[in-house]
PDB file of N, CA and C in Angstrom:
ATOM      1  N   MET A   1      -7.932  -7.534 -14.456  1.00  0.00           N
ATOM      2  CA  MET A   1      -7.676  -8.679 -13.904  1.00  0.00           C
ATOM      3  C   MET A   1      -9.276  -9.053 -13.264  1.00  0.00           C
ATOM      4  N   VAL A   2      -9.524 -10.122 -13.543  1.00  0.00           N
ATOM      5  CA  VAL A   2     -10.682 -10.899 -12.900  1.00  0.00           C
ATOM      6  C   VAL A   2     -10.375 -11.993 -11.935  1.00  0.00           C
ATOM      7  N   LYS A   3     -10.930 -11.814 -10.694  1.00  0.00           N
ATOM      8  CA  LYS A   3     -10.642 -12.885  -9.651  1.00  0.00           C
ATOM      9  C   LYS A   3     -12.025 -13.471  -9.454  1.00  0.00           C
ATOM     10  N   HIS A   4     -11.909 -14.836  -9.522  1.00  0.00           N
ATOM     11  CA  HIS A   4     -13.013 -15.692  -9.481  1.00  0.00           C
ATOM     12  C   HIS A   4     -12.544 -16.817  -8.595  1.00  0.00           C
ATOM     13  N   ASN A   5     -13.187 -17.109  -7.351  1.00  0.00           N
ATOM     14  CA  ASN A   5     -12.810 -18.124  -6.396  1.00  0.00           C
ATOM     15  C   ASN A   5     -11.331 -17.899  -6.134  1.00  0.00           C
ATOM     16  N   LEU A   6     -10.560 -18.813  -6.410  1.00  0.00           N
ATOM     17  CA  LEU A   6      -9.124 -18.698  -5.983  1.00  0.00           C
ATOM     18  C   LEU A   6      -8.352 -18.378  -7.204  1.00  0.00           C
ATOM     19  N   ASP A   7      -9.050 -18.174  -8.217  1.00  0.00           N
ATOM     20  CA  ASP A   7      -8.191 -18.129  -9.645  1.00  0.00           C
ATOM     21  C   ASP A   7      -8.330 -16.654 -10.147  1.00  0.00           C
ATOM     22  N   THR A   8      -7.180 -16.136 -10.751  1.00  0.00           N
ATOM     23  CA  THR A   8      -6.925 -14.913 -11.302  1.00  0.00           C
ATOM     24  C   THR A   8      -6.666 -14.911 -12.688  1.00  0.00           C
ATOM     25  N   HIS A   9      -7.333 -14.173 -13.441  1.00  0.00           N
ATOM     26  CA  HIS A   9      -7.329 -14.121 -15.001  1.00  0.00           C
ATOM     27  C   HIS A   9      -6.938 -12.599 -15.349  1.00  0.00           C
ATOM     28  N   GLU A  10      -6.169 -12.577 -16.268  1.00  0.00           N
ATOM     29  CA  GLU A  10      -5.612 -11.275 -16.693  1.00  0.00           C
ATOM     30  C   GLU A  10      -6.081 -11.171 -18.174  1.00  0.00           C
ATOM     31  N   PHE A  11      -6.525  -9.795 -18.577  1.00  0.00           N
ATOM     32  CA  PHE A  11      -7.021  -9.470 -19.911  1.00  0.00           C
ATOM     33  C   PHE A  11      -6.443  -8.034 -20.318  1.00  0.00           C
ATOM     34  N   ASN A  12      -6.292  -7.912 -21.604  1.00  0.00           N
ATOM     35  CA  ASN A  12      -5.853  -6.735 -22.089  1.00  0.00           C
ATOM     36  C   ASN A  12      -6.829  -5.550 -22.038  1.00  0.00           C
ATOM     37  N   SER A  13      -8.139  -5.646 -21.917  1.00  0.00           N
ATOM     38  CA  SER A  13      -8.893  -4.577 -21.903  1.00  0.00           C
ATOM     39  C   SER A  13      -9.951  -4.808 -20.795  1.00  0.00           C
ATOM     40  N   LEU A  14     -10.794  -3.870 -20.344  1.00  0.00           N
ATOM     41  CA  LEU A  14     -11.904  -3.959 -19.392  1.00  0.00           C
ATOM     42  C   LEU A  14     -12.917  -4.674 -20.059  1.00  0.00           C
ATOM     43  N   ASP A  15     -13.190  -4.438 -21.447  1.00  0.00           N
ATOM     44  CA  ASP A  15     -14.196  -5.126 -22.354  1.00  0.00           C
ATOM     45  C   ASP A  15     -14.068  -6.472 -22.269  1.00  0.00           C
ATOM     46  N   GLU A  16     -12.895  -7.033 -22.480  1.00  0.00           N
ATOM     47  CA  GLU A  16     -12.505  -8.480 -22.405  1.00  0.00           C
ATOM     48  C   GLU A  16     -12.839  -9.075 -20.786  1.00  0.00           C
ATOM     49  N   ALA A  17     -12.541  -8.248 -19.879  1.00  0.00           N
ATOM     50  CA  ALA A  17     -12.812  -8.823 -18.598  1.00  0.00           C
ATOM     51  C   ALA A  17     -14.250  -8.919 -18.320  1.00  0.00           C
ATOM     52  N   MET A  18     -14.893  -7.899 -18.821  1.00  0.00           N
ATOM     53  CA  MET A  18     -16.347  -7.974 -18.469  1.00  0.00           C
ATOM     54  C   MET A  18     -16.991  -9.016 -19.374  1.00  0.00           C
ATOM     55  N   ALA A  19     -16.577  -9.284 -20.429  1.00  0.00           N
ATOM     56  CA  ALA A  19     -17.216 -10.362 -21.389  1.00  0.00           C
ATOM     57  C   ALA A  19     -17.005 -11.786 -20.585  1.00  0.00           C
ATOM     58  N   PHE A  20     -15.723 -12.043 -20.033  1.00  0.00           N
ATOM     59  CA  PHE A  20     -15.418 -13.083 -19.561  1.00  0.00           C
ATOM     60  C   PHE A  20     -16.350 -13.348 -18.192  1.00  0.00           C
ATOM     61  N   ALA A  21     -16.393 -12.289 -17.436  1.00  0.00           N
ATOM     62  CA  ALA A  21     -17.368 -12.196 -16.053  1.00  0.00           C
ATOM     63  C   ALA A  21     -18.705 -12.532 -16.545  1.00  0.00           C
ATOM     64  N   LYS A  22     -19.206 -12.048 -17.521  1.00  0.00           N
ATOM     65  CA  LYS A  22     -20.676 -12.205 -17.924  1.00  0.00           C
ATOM     66  C   LYS A  22     -20.807 -13.778 -18.432  1.00  0.00           C
ATOM     67  N   GLU A  23     -19.882 -14.311 -19.095  1.00  0.00           N
ATOM     68  CA  GLU A  23     -20.070 -15.619 -19.352  1.00  0.00           C
ATOM     69  C   GLU A  23     -19.919 -16.676 -18.167  1.00  0.00           C
ATOM     70  N   LEU A  24     -19.110 -16.190 -17.121  1.00  0.00           N
ATOM     71  CA  LEU A  24     -19.089 -17.075 -15.845  1.00  0.00           C
ATOM     72  C   LEU A  24     -20.458 -16.939 -15.287  1.00  0.00           C
ATOM     73  N   GLY A  25     -21.058 -15.829 -15.177  1.00  0.00           N
ATOM     74  CA  GLY A  25     -22.265 -15.766 -14.463  1.00  0.00           C
ATOM     75  C   GLY A  25     -22.330 -15.887 -13.041  1.00  0.00           C
ATOM     76  N   GLU A  26     -21.207 -15.902 -12.367  1.00  0.00           N
ATOM     77  CA  GLU A  26     -21.016 -15.869 -11.009  1.00  0.00           C
ATOM     78  C   GLU A  26     -20.236 -14.756 -10.363  1.00  0.00           C
ATOM     79  N   PHE A  27     -20.163 -14.681  -9.028  1.00  0.00           N
ATOM     80  CA  PHE A  27     -19.704 -13.578  -8.380  1.00  0.00           C
ATOM     81  C   PHE A  27     -18.096 -13.508  -8.611  1.00  0.00           C
ATOM     82  N   VAL A  28     -17.668 -12.201  -9.147  1.00  0.00           N
ATOM     83  CA  VAL A  28     -16.359 -11.997  -9.358  1.00  0.00           C
ATOM     84  C   VAL A  28     -15.928 -10.571  -8.884  1.00  0.00           C
ATOM     85  N   THR A  29     -14.679 -10.340  -9.014  1.00  0.00           N
ATOM     86  CA  THR A  29     -14.094  -9.192  -8.701  1.00  0.00           C
ATOM     87  C   THR A  29     -13.147  -8.641  -9.938  1.00  0.00           C
ATOM     88  N   ILE A  30     -13.368  -7.533 -10.395  1.00  0.00           N
ATOM     89  CA  ILE A  30     -12.624  -6.988 -11.302  1.00  0.00           C
ATOM     90  C   ILE A  30     -11.842  -5.733 -11.039  1.00  0.00           C
ATOM     91  N   LYS A  31     -10.540  -5.819 -11.168  1.00  0.00           N
ATOM     92  CA  LYS A  31      -9.697  -4.844 -10.719  1.00  0.00           C
ATOM     93  C   LYS A  31      -9.086  -4.113 -12.242  1.00  0.00           C
ATOM     94  N   PHE A  32      -9.280  -2.706 -12.237  1.00  0.00           N
ATOM     95  CA  PHE A  32      -8.801  -2.059 -13.288  1.00  0.00           C
ATOM     96  C   PHE A  32      -8.407  -0.567 -12.710  1.00  0.00           C
ATOM     97  N   ASP A  33      -7.293  -0.052 -13.353  1.00  0.00           N
ATOM     98  CA  ASP A  33      -6.950   1.361 -13.252  1.00  0.00           C
ATOM     99  C   ASP A  33      -7.110   1.897 -11.678  1.00  0.00           C
ATOM    100  N   GLY A  34      -6.873   0.972 -10.709  1.00  0.00           N
ATOM    101  CA  GLY A  34      -6.717   1.280  -9.332  1.00  0.00           C
ATOM    102  C   GLY A  34      -8.124   1.136  -8.735  1.00  0.00           C
ATOM    103  N   LYS A  35      -9.169   0.568  -9.513  1.00  0.00           N
ATOM    104  CA  LYS A  35     -10.632   0.456  -9.006  1.00  0.00           C
ATOM    105  C   LYS A  35     -10.843  -1.018  -8.914  1.00  0.00           C
ATOM    106  N   GLU A  36     -12.013  -1.064  -8.252  1.00  0.00           N
ATOM    107  CA  GLU A  36     -12.545  -2.688  -8.026  1.00  0.00           C
ATOM    108  C   GLU A  36     -13.983  -2.545  -8.081  1.00  0.00           C
ATOM    109  N   VAL A  37     -14.448  -3.547  -8.936  1.00  0.00           N
ATOM    110  CA  VAL A  37     -15.838  -3.700  -9.025  1.00  0.00           C
ATOM    111  C   VAL A  37     -16.185  -5.080  -8.781  1.00  0.00           C
ATOM    112  N   VAL A  38     -17.274  -5.434  -7.981  1.00  0.00           N
ATOM    113  CA  VAL A  38     -17.582  -6.713  -7.547  1.00  0.00           C
ATOM    114  C   VAL A  38     -19.104  -6.891  -8.001  1.00  0.00           C
ATOM    115  N   GLY A  39     -19.311  -8.200  -8.222  1.00  0.00           N
ATOM    116  CA  GLY A  39     -20.862  -8.619  -8.427  1.00  0.00           C
ATOM    117  C   GLY A  39     -20.872  -9.733  -9.485  1.00  0.00           C
ATOM    118  N   VAL A  40     -22.084  -9.907  -9.811  1.00  0.00           N
ATOM    119  CA  VAL A  40     -22.541 -10.949 -10.918  1.00  0.00           C
ATOM    120  C   VAL A  40     -22.867 -10.170 -12.004  1.00  0.00           C
ATOM    121  N   PHE A  41     -22.055 -10.193 -13.214  1.00  0.00           N
ATOM    122  CA  PHE A  41     -22.141  -9.410 -14.280  1.00  0.00           C
ATOM    123  C   PHE A  41     -22.973 -10.024 -15.157  1.00  0.00           C
ATOM    124  N   GLY A  42     -23.960  -9.306 -15.852  1.00  0.00           N
ATOM    125  CA  GLY A  42     -24.863  -9.932 -16.795  1.00  0.00           C
ATOM    126  C   GLY A  42     -26.187 -10.452 -16.230  1.00  0.00           C
ATOM    127  N   ALA A  43     -26.104 -10.194 -14.929  1.00  0.00           N
ATOM    128  CA  ALA A  43     -27.458 -10.575 -14.098  1.00  0.00           C
ATOM    129  C   ALA A  43     -28.628  -9.983 -14.517  1.00  0.00           C
ATOM    130  N   THR A  44     -29.770 -10.413 -14.617  1.00  0.00           N
ATOM    131  CA  THR A  44     -31.135  -9.761 -15.080  1.00  0.00           C
ATOM    132  C   THR A  44     -31.648  -8.909 -13.913  1.00  0.00           C
ATOM    133  N   GLY A  45     -32.428  -8.139 -14.334  1.00  0.00           N
ATOM    134  CA  GLY A  45     -33.074  -7.249 -13.254  1.00  0.00           C
ATOM    135  C   GLY A  45     -34.610  -7.353 -13.443  1.00  0.00           C
ATOM    136  N   VAL A  46     -35.187  -6.289 -12.878  1.00  0.00           N
ATOM    137  CA  VAL A  46     -36.738  -5.935 -13.164  1.00  0.00           C
ATOM    138  C   VAL A  46     -36.957  -5.647 -14.582  1.00  0.00           C
ATOM    139  N   THR A  47     -37.840  -6.346 -15.262  1.00  0.00           N
ATOM    140  CA  THR A  47     -38.219  -6.116 -16.692  1.00  0.00           C
ATOM    141  C   THR A  47     -39.653  -6.126 -16.655  1.00  0.00           C
ATOM    142  N   ASP A  48     -40.286  -5.031 -17.243  1.00  0.00           N
ATOM    143  CA  ASP A  48     -41.816  -4.877 -17.272  1.00  0.00           C
ATOM    144  C   ASP A  48     -42.588  -5.302 -16.131  1.00  0.00           C
ATOM    145  N   GLY A  49     -41.963  -4.883 -14.943  1.00  0.00           N
ATOM    146  CA  GLY A  49     -42.446  -4.840 -13.673  1.00  0.00           C
ATOM    147  C   GLY A  49     -42.406  -6.444 -12.958  1.00  0.00           C
ATOM    148  N   LYS A  50     -41.610  -7.177 -13.707  1.00  0.00           N
ATOM    149  CA  LYS A  50     -41.374  -8.697 -13.281  1.00  0.00           C
ATOM    150  C   LYS A  50     -39.855  -8.810 -12.762  1.00  0.00           C
ATOM    151  N   CYS A  51     -39.660  -9.552 -11.731  1.00  0.00           N
ATOM    152  CA  CYS A  51     -38.485 -10.108 -11.308  1.00  0.00           C
ATOM    153  C   CYS A  51     -37.967 -11.258 -12.329  1.00  0.00           C
ATOM    154  N   PRO A  52     -36.762 -11.639 -12.300  1.00  0.00           N
ATOM    155  CA  PRO A  52     -36.303 -12.564 -13.193  1.00  0.00           C
ATOM    156  C   PRO A  52     -37.030 -13.960 -12.919  1.00  0.00           C
ATOM    157  N   ASP A  53     -37.537 -14.328 -11.865  1.00  0.00           N
ATOM    158  CA  ASP A  53     -38.170 -15.326 -11.451  1.00  0.00           C
ATOM    159  C   ASP A  53     -39.772 -15.442 -11.851  1.00  0.00           C
ATOM    160  N   GLY A  54     -40.224 -14.225 -12.424  1.00  0.00           N
ATOM    161  CA  GLY A  54     -41.430 -14.095 -12.984  1.00  0.00           C
ATOM    162  C   GLY A  54     -42.544 -13.527 -11.791  1.00  0.00           C
ATOM    163  N   ILE A  55     -42.166 -13.147 -10.804  1.00  0.00           N
ATOM    164  CA  ILE A  55     -42.947 -12.802  -9.712  1.00  0.00           C
ATOM    165  C   ILE A  55     -43.032 -11.168  -9.867  1.00  0.00           C
ATOM    166  N   ASP A  56     -44.096 -10.637  -9.588  1.00  0.00           N
ATOM    167  CA  ASP A  56     -44.356  -9.225  -9.948  1.00  0.00           C
ATOM    168  C   ASP A  56     -43.480  -8.470  -8.722  1.00  0.00           C
ATOM    169  N   TYR A  57     -42.699  -7.349  -9.288  1.00  0.00           N
ATOM    170  CA  TYR A  57     -41.728  -6.677  -8.344  1.00  0.00           C
ATOM    171  C   TYR A  57     -42.656  -5.547  -7.506  1.00  0.00           C
ATOM    172  N   SER A  58     -42.468  -5.525  -6.259  1.00  0.00           N
ATOM    173  CA  SER A  58     -43.042  -4.389  -5.593  1.00  0.00           C
ATOM    174  C   SER A  58     -41.922  -3.706  -4.627  1.00  0.00           C
ATOM    175  N   TRP A  59     -42.382  -2.632  -4.092  1.00  0.00           N
ATOM    176  CA  TRP A  59     -41.293  -1.825  -3.354  1.00  0.00           C
ATOM    177  C   TRP A  59     -40.772  -2.769  -2.187  1.00  0.00           C
ATOM    178  N   LYS A  60     -41.520  -3.660  -1.767  1.00  0.00           N
ATOM    179  CA  LYS A  60     -41.054  -4.615  -0.497  1.00  0.00           C
ATOM    180  C   LYS A  60     -39.981  -5.358  -0.997  1.00  0.00           C
ATOM    181  N   LYS A  61     -39.755  -5.732  -2.265  1.00  0.00           N
ATOM    182  CA  LYS A  61     -38.588  -6.634  -2.621  1.00  0.00           C
ATOM    183  C   LYS A  61     -37.237  -5.615  -2.514  1.00  0.00           C
ATOM    184  N   ARG A  62     -37.347  -4.617  -2.443  1.00  0.00           N
ATOM    185  CA  ARG A  62     -36.042  -3.697  -2.427  1.00  0.00           C
ATOM    186  C   ARG A  62     -35.398  -4.017  -0.934  1.00  0.00           C
ATOM    187  N   ARG A  63     -35.962  -4.322  -0.012  1.00  0.00           N
ATOM    188  CA  ARG A  63     -35.589  -4.526   1.160  1.00  0.00           C
ATOM    189  C   ARG A  63     -34.932  -5.910   1.547  1.00  0.00           C
ATOM    190  N   LYS A  64     -35.183  -6.753   0.515  1.00  0.00           N
ATOM    191  CA  LYS A  64     -34.699  -8.210   0.780  1.00  0.00           C
ATOM    192  C   LYS A  64     -33.159  -8.392   0.370  1.00  0.00           C
TER     193      LYS A  64
END
């Protein structure tokens, strides 16, 4: 089950739920097998020392 805003979407598998969440690109809650996972799925991270906005990553960014 994927919760997004006030909507709830049911899927047959976790893979389908994750794919849907990645397409949304927004904060969602995924519930499965008595567990709950929240976040923006498919969000980018630090690549080659750069943040998604192109700024150099530094240890100070971890605290923001």
